Amino acid sequence: MEAKELLKQHISKTVRLTDEQFDYVFSHFKVQSYKKGQVIVSDGQKVDHEYFVVSGCLKAFYITDEIKMYILQFAMPTWWTSDYGALYNQTRATINVDCIADAEVLQLSNENREKLCSELHQVEHFFRWRTNKGYLASQKRLLSFMNNDTKARYEELLAMYPQLYNLVPKHLIAAYLGVSRETLSRLYNNHK
């Protein structure tokens, strides 16, 4: 599906815009293509954009001083990602974002998002709704980490996002769940 149409469908699930309003909103986005492994946001850089995934798959992750990777988010089509702390606070990135697969994204600058929100109430409502949904998803994931064992978290992820297992290498799913690749392999083989 074309990037413009995908974004239009995504936004229209939450708010109604006229065709003219949507065309104006879309004019503030920039289509970008990235290759598998390409970095979009890197630790230490200034972050000015957020990204709506049209195709492919991205990951947002953090690397500790001990060089251990923690994956915060996988971003599949119609998902948004960035280092939001750096974007909203205008600080340097602590989160990295790169491509698990070739990807096409719509890039929206912080400045353009704020401009659109101030000009169109519906757009402000959409972004507030989207931010709230993201917050709830993060809260749900944190509660799952606090209350569920590895097997339950694995099964929850598999039930919510079965397509991840075809898109994402198993070592990255293990990093998302906070387990070793070997533990994930045991869970995967026992689940079949």
Protein backbone atom coordinates (compact mmCIF):
# COMPACT_ATOMS: atom_id res chain seq x y z
CA MET A 1 0.00 0.00 0.00
CA GLU A 2 1.20 3.48 -0.79
CA ALA A 3 2.66 5.44 2.15
CA LYS A 4 0.12 8.26 1.88
CA GLU A 5 -2.87 5.91 1.88
CA LEU A 6 -1.51 3.87 4.80
CA LEU A 7 -1.07 6.99 6.92
CA LYS A 8 -4.52 8.23 5.95
CA GLN A 9 -6.12 4.94 7.03
CA HIS A 10 -4.11 4.99 10.26
CA ILE A 11 -5.15 8.52 11.22
CA SER A 12 -8.77 8.02 10.14
CA LYS A 13 -9.19 5.26 12.74
CA THR A 14 -8.97 8.02 15.36
CA VAL A 15 -10.02 11.32 13.77
CA ARG A 16 -11.77 12.57 10.66
CA LEU A 17 -9.95 14.90 8.30
CA THR A 18 -11.16 16.25 4.98
CA ASP A 19 -9.07 15.27 1.96
CA GLU A 20 -7.66 18.79 1.88
CA GLN A 21 -6.73 18.66 5.57
CA PHE A 22 -5.07 15.28 5.15
CA ASP A 23 -3.12 16.46 2.09
CA TYR A 24 -1.89 19.39 4.17
CA VAL A 25 -0.91 17.08 7.04
CA PHE A 26 0.84 14.67 4.67
CA SER A 27 2.82 17.53 3.12
CA HIS A 28 4.68 17.82 6.44
CA PHE A 29 6.02 14.25 6.23
CA LYS A 30 9.05 13.10 4.29
CA VAL A 31 9.28 9.60 2.78
CA GLN A 32 12.55 7.88 3.68
CA SER A 33 13.90 4.46 2.71
CA TYR A 34 16.44 2.53 4.76
CA LYS A 35 18.31 -0.73 4.23
CA LYS A 36 18.48 -3.64 6.67
CA GLY A 37 20.98 -2.77 9.42
CA GLN A 38 20.93 0.97 8.67
CA VAL A 39 20.86 3.24 11.73
CA ILE A 40 18.12 5.89 11.92
CA VAL A 41 18.76 7.24 15.44
CA SER A 42 22.09 6.79 17.17
CA ASP A 43 23.04 7.21 20.82
CA GLY A 44 24.39 10.74 21.37
CA GLN A 45 22.88 12.39 18.30
CA LYS A 46 20.29 15.16 18.29
CA VAL A 47 16.80 13.81 17.66
CA ASP A 48 14.46 15.96 15.55
CA HIS A 49 12.08 13.37 14.06
CA GLU A 50 9.72 10.54 14.77
CA TYR A 51 9.04 7.78 12.26
CA PHE A 52 5.84 6.14 11.03
CA VAL A 53 6.66 2.71 9.59
CA VAL A 54 5.18 2.06 6.15
CA SER A 55 6.99 -1.22 5.46
CA GLY A 56 9.72 -3.29 7.02
CA CYS A 57 10.59 -3.51 10.68
CA LEU A 58 12.63 -1.29 13.02
CA LYS A 59 13.88 -1.77 16.54
CA ALA A 60 14.43 0.79 19.29
CA PHE A 61 17.09 -0.36 21.73
CA TYR A 62 19.50 0.61 24.48
CA ILE A 63 23.07 -0.63 24.90
CA THR A 64 24.47 -0.74 28.44
CA ASP A 65 28.06 0.10 29.39
CA GLU A 66 28.60 -3.70 29.55
CA ILE A 67 27.53 -3.90 25.88
CA LYS A 68 24.24 -5.66 26.64
CA MET A 69 21.33 -4.81 24.35
CA TYR A 70 17.83 -4.19 25.66
CA ILE A 71 15.14 -3.88 23.01
CA LEU A 72 12.43 -1.43 23.98
CA GLN A 73 10.27 -1.73 20.89
CA PHE A 74 9.86 -3.43 17.58
CA ALA A 75 8.14 -1.13 15.08
CA MET A 76 6.19 -2.80 12.31
CA PRO A 77 3.96 -1.15 9.67
CA THR A 78 1.62 1.51 11.14
CA TRP A 79 3.76 1.79 14.30
CA TRP A 80 5.67 4.90 15.34
CA THR A 81 9.14 5.07 16.86
CA SER A 82 11.91 7.41 17.90
CA ASP A 83 13.85 8.31 21.04
CA TYR A 84 10.90 10.20 22.47
CA GLY A 85 12.76 11.44 25.53
CA ALA A 86 15.34 13.11 23.32
CA LEU A 87 12.72 14.29 20.80
CA TYR A 88 10.40 15.95 23.32
CA ASN A 89 13.11 17.25 25.66
CA GLN A 90 15.45 18.30 22.84
CA THR A 91 18.32 16.35 24.36
CA ARG A 92 20.78 13.86 22.87
CA ALA A 93 19.61 10.33 22.10
CA THR A 94 20.11 7.53 24.58
CA ILE A 95 18.01 5.14 22.50
CA ASN A 96 19.11 3.76 19.14
CA VAL A 97 16.75 2.95 16.26
CA ASP A 98 17.81 0.78 13.34
CA CYS A 99 16.34 -1.45 10.64
CA ILE A 100 15.78 -5.15 11.14
CA ALA A 101 14.65 -5.32 7.50
CA ASP A 102 14.60 -2.89 4.59
CA ALA A 103 12.11 -0.23 5.59
CA GLU A 104 10.15 2.69 4.25
CA VAL A 105 9.10 5.29 6.81
CA LEU A 106 7.36 8.63 6.95
CA GLN A 107 9.53 11.05 8.88
CA LEU A 108 7.87 13.87 10.83
CA SER A 109 9.89 16.60 12.49
CA ASN A 110 9.12 17.71 16.02
CA GLU A 111 8.61 21.23 14.66
CA ASN A 112 6.10 20.08 12.03
CA ARG A 113 4.18 17.92 14.51
CA GLU A 114 3.83 20.88 16.88
CA LYS A 115 2.81 23.14 13.99
CA LEU A 116 0.13 20.69 12.83
CA CYS A 117 -1.16 20.21 16.37
CA SER A 118 -1.52 23.96 16.88
CA GLU A 119 -3.30 24.41 13.53
CA LEU A 120 -5.66 21.41 13.51
CA HIS A 121 -7.46 20.24 16.63
CA GLN A 122 -8.05 16.80 15.09
CA VAL A 123 -4.31 16.29 14.60
CA GLU A 124 -3.60 17.31 18.18
CA HIS A 125 -6.26 14.82 19.30
CA PHE A 126 -4.70 12.08 17.14
CA PHE A 127 -1.21 12.59 18.58
CA ARG A 128 -2.53 12.75 22.14
CA TRP A 129 -4.47 9.52 21.57
CA ARG A 130 -1.41 7.87 20.01
CA THR A 131 0.84 8.95 22.88
CA ASN A 132 -1.64 7.62 25.42
CA LYS A 133 -1.82 4.27 23.61
CA GLY A 134 1.98 4.08 23.60
CA TYR A 135 2.12 4.86 27.30
CA LEU A 136 -0.44 2.14 28.05
CA ALA A 137 1.51 -0.40 25.99
CA SER A 138 4.73 0.47 27.85
CA GLN A 139 2.94 0.19 31.19
CA LYS A 140 1.48 -3.19 30.20
CA ARG A 141 4.91 -4.47 29.18
CA LEU A 142 6.49 -3.28 32.44
CA LEU A 143 3.76 -4.97 34.48
CA SER A 144 4.29 -8.16 32.48
CA PHE A 145 8.01 -8.06 33.35
CA MET A 146 7.17 -7.60 37.03
CA ASN A 147 4.43 -10.25 37.24
CA ASN A 148 5.13 -12.92 34.62
CA ASP A 149 7.86 -15.46 34.18
CA THR A 150 9.75 -15.80 30.91
CA LYS A 151 7.37 -18.43 29.51
CA ALA A 152 4.30 -16.25 30.15
CA ARG A 153 5.98 -13.19 28.58
CA TYR A 154 6.95 -15.27 25.56
CA GLU A 155 3.41 -16.61 25.12
CA GLU A 156 1.96 -13.12 25.57
CA LEU A 157 4.26 -11.72 22.86
CA LEU A 158 3.46 -14.63 20.53
CA ALA A 159 -0.30 -14.14 21.02
CA MET A 160 -0.18 -10.35 20.54
CA TYR A 161 2.25 -10.21 17.62
CA PRO A 162 2.56 -13.59 15.86
CA GLN A 163 4.04 -11.88 12.77
CA LEU A 164 7.14 -10.91 14.78
CA TYR A 165 8.41 -14.47 14.60
CA ASN A 166 8.63 -14.26 10.83
CA LEU A 167 10.12 -10.74 10.75
CA VAL A 168 12.57 -10.67 13.64
CA PRO A 169 15.63 -12.87 14.28
CA LYS A 170 15.28 -15.01 17.41
CA HIS A 171 18.24 -13.38 19.19
CA LEU A 172 16.43 -10.03 18.99
CA ILE A 173 13.22 -11.52 20.38
CA ALA A 174 15.34 -12.94 23.21
CA ALA A 175 16.77 -9.45 23.86
CA TYR A 176 13.24 -8.03 23.90
CA LEU A 177 12.15 -10.64 26.46
CA GLY A 178 15.32 -10.18 28.51
CA VAL A 179 16.45 -13.82 28.14
CA SER A 180 19.27 -15.70 26.47
CA ARG A 181 18.94 -17.07 22.95
CA GLU A 182 19.13 -20.60 24.43
CA THR A 183 16.19 -19.94 26.77
CA LEU A 184 14.16 -18.60 23.87
CA SER A 185 14.99 -21.69 21.78
CA ARG A 186 13.72 -23.95 24.58
CA LEU A 187 10.50 -21.95 24.85
CA TYR A 188 10.05 -21.92 21.07
CA ASN A 189 10.60 -25.69 20.75
CA ASN A 190 8.26 -26.44 23.68
CA HIS A 191 5.54 -24.18 22.21
CA LYS A 192 5.35 -25.97 18.84
